[in-house]
Amino acid sequence: MTTRNLTAGERSLLRATQLIHAASRHARGASSRVPYLPGLLLEEAVRHLLWQAMTLLPEGLPLDGAQPRLPGCLQALEEAEAELRRRPVGEYPDGVSLLVVDLCDVIARTRAGAWL
């Protein structure tokens, strides 16, 4: 499937998924710089978000492409959240509202220093 065949909501979800993918790359790098367990928990949380987002999209879409404006895992997650809030929830595939809730939870835990 090409991105031209996607609805506006699916294109927005794809961009958010690509940003979460970028966050997962940053989280893998963070796990080597922070204490083992917190780094591993962050990496797993972001990996779960990525899986959750990917299952809402048609198969075969590229995960590389979108890069966050600012470097870092938290910044990429915040940008993904902002992307998912750009459109009315009804334009997104079923399940996006749960993704947003889980994304906000990971962001809040990261901001609170739970994993970093």
Protein backbone atom coordinates (compact mmCIF):
# COMPACT_ATOMS: atom_id res chain seq x y z
CA MET A 1 0.00 0.00 0.00
CA THR A 2 1.24 3.48 -0.78
CA THR A 3 0.78 6.50 1.41
CA ARG A 4 -1.35 8.11 -1.31
CA ASN A 5 -4.12 5.59 -0.60
CA LEU A 6 -4.33 6.53 3.08
CA THR A 7 -7.00 8.69 4.65
CA ALA A 8 -5.96 11.92 6.37
CA GLY A 9 -6.29 10.17 9.74
CA GLU A 10 -4.15 7.24 8.59
CA ARG A 11 -1.47 9.62 7.26
CA SER A 12 -1.41 11.40 10.61
CA LEU A 13 -1.23 8.05 12.43
CA LEU A 14 1.62 6.99 10.13
CA ARG A 15 3.57 10.15 10.98
CA ALA A 16 2.97 9.58 14.70
CA THR A 17 4.07 5.95 14.31
CA GLN A 18 7.23 7.07 12.53
CA LEU A 19 7.94 9.49 15.39
CA ILE A 20 7.43 6.68 17.91
CA HIS A 21 9.84 4.59 15.82
CA ALA A 22 12.39 7.42 16.08
CA ALA A 23 11.75 7.50 19.85
CA SER A 24 12.47 3.77 20.03
CA ARG A 25 15.89 4.35 18.47
CA HIS A 26 16.59 7.04 21.08
CA ALA A 27 15.31 4.77 23.88
CA ARG A 28 17.70 2.00 22.81
CA GLY A 29 20.53 4.48 23.07
CA ALA A 30 19.29 5.78 26.43
CA SER A 31 19.23 2.28 27.90
CA SER A 32 23.03 2.19 27.64
CA ARG A 33 23.44 5.61 29.34
CA VAL A 34 21.05 5.24 32.31
CA PRO A 35 20.79 2.57 35.00
CA TYR A 36 19.91 -0.79 33.52
CA LEU A 37 16.34 -1.30 34.79
CA PRO A 38 14.99 2.22 34.14
CA GLY A 39 16.54 2.23 30.66
CA LEU A 40 15.10 -1.18 29.90
CA LEU A 41 11.63 -0.14 31.13
CA LEU A 42 11.65 2.93 28.89
CA GLU A 43 12.81 0.90 25.92
CA GLU A 44 10.06 -1.68 26.46
CA ALA A 45 7.36 0.97 26.96
CA VAL A 46 8.28 2.68 23.70
CA ARG A 47 8.51 -0.65 21.90
CA HIS A 48 4.96 -1.44 23.11
CA LEU A 49 3.72 1.94 21.82
CA LEU A 50 5.33 1.23 18.46
CA TRP A 51 3.69 -2.19 18.21
CA GLN A 52 0.36 -0.70 19.27
CA ALA A 53 0.56 2.03 16.62
CA MET A 54 1.74 -0.34 13.86
CA THR A 55 -1.23 -2.66 14.39
CA LEU A 56 -3.60 0.22 13.62
CA LEU A 57 -2.06 0.85 10.20
CA PRO A 58 -2.20 -1.17 6.98
CA GLU A 59 0.79 -3.49 6.61
CA GLY A 60 3.85 -2.55 4.60
CA LEU A 61 4.08 1.15 5.36
CA PRO A 62 7.54 2.62 5.98
CA LEU A 63 8.50 3.30 9.59
CA ASP A 64 11.45 5.47 8.63
CA GLY A 65 10.77 8.96 7.43
CA ALA A 66 9.51 11.33 10.10
CA GLN A 67 12.16 12.82 12.32
CA PRO A 68 11.34 14.79 15.47
CA ARG A 69 12.15 18.49 15.42
CA LEU A 70 14.25 18.11 18.58
CA PRO A 71 16.47 15.13 19.43
CA GLY A 72 15.60 12.71 22.18
CA CYS A 73 13.10 10.04 23.10
CA LEU A 74 10.80 12.30 25.12
CA GLN A 75 10.73 14.94 22.41
CA ALA A 76 9.80 12.37 19.75
CA LEU A 77 7.00 10.99 21.95
CA GLU A 78 5.66 14.49 22.65
CA GLU A 79 5.66 15.26 18.95
CA ALA A 80 3.82 11.99 18.23
CA GLU A 81 1.19 12.94 20.81
CA ALA A 82 0.78 16.39 19.25
CA GLU A 83 0.41 14.77 15.82
CA LEU A 84 -2.39 12.51 17.08
CA ARG A 85 -4.22 15.52 18.54
CA ARG A 86 -4.21 17.40 15.21
CA ARG A 87 -7.24 15.61 13.79
CA PRO A 88 -10.64 14.71 15.25
CA VAL A 89 -10.56 11.27 16.87
CA GLY A 90 -13.27 10.04 14.48
CA GLU A 91 -10.87 10.37 11.54
CA TYR A 92 -8.47 7.84 13.04
CA PRO A 93 -8.78 4.05 12.95
CA ASP A 94 -10.41 2.42 15.98
CA GLY A 95 -7.90 2.04 18.79
CA VAL A 96 -6.09 5.35 18.42
CA SER A 97 -7.70 6.78 21.56
CA LEU A 98 -6.11 3.97 23.62
CA LEU A 99 -2.78 4.65 21.91
CA VAL A 100 -3.03 8.32 22.92
CA VAL A 101 -3.77 7.36 26.54
CA ASP A 102 -0.79 4.98 26.63
CA LEU A 103 1.43 7.53 24.91
CA CYS A 104 0.49 10.19 27.48
CA ASP A 105 1.23 7.72 30.29
CA VAL A 106 4.73 7.01 28.94
CA ILE A 107 5.35 10.74 28.47
CA ALA A 108 4.21 11.52 32.02
CA ARG A 109 6.39 8.77 33.51
CA THR A 110 9.38 9.93 31.48
CA ARG A 111 8.87 13.56 32.50
CA ALA A 112 8.63 12.48 36.15
CA GLY A 113 12.02 10.81 35.82
CA ALA A 114 10.71 7.30 36.31
CA TRP A 115 12.85 5.91 33.51
CA LEU A 116 15.58 8.44 32.88
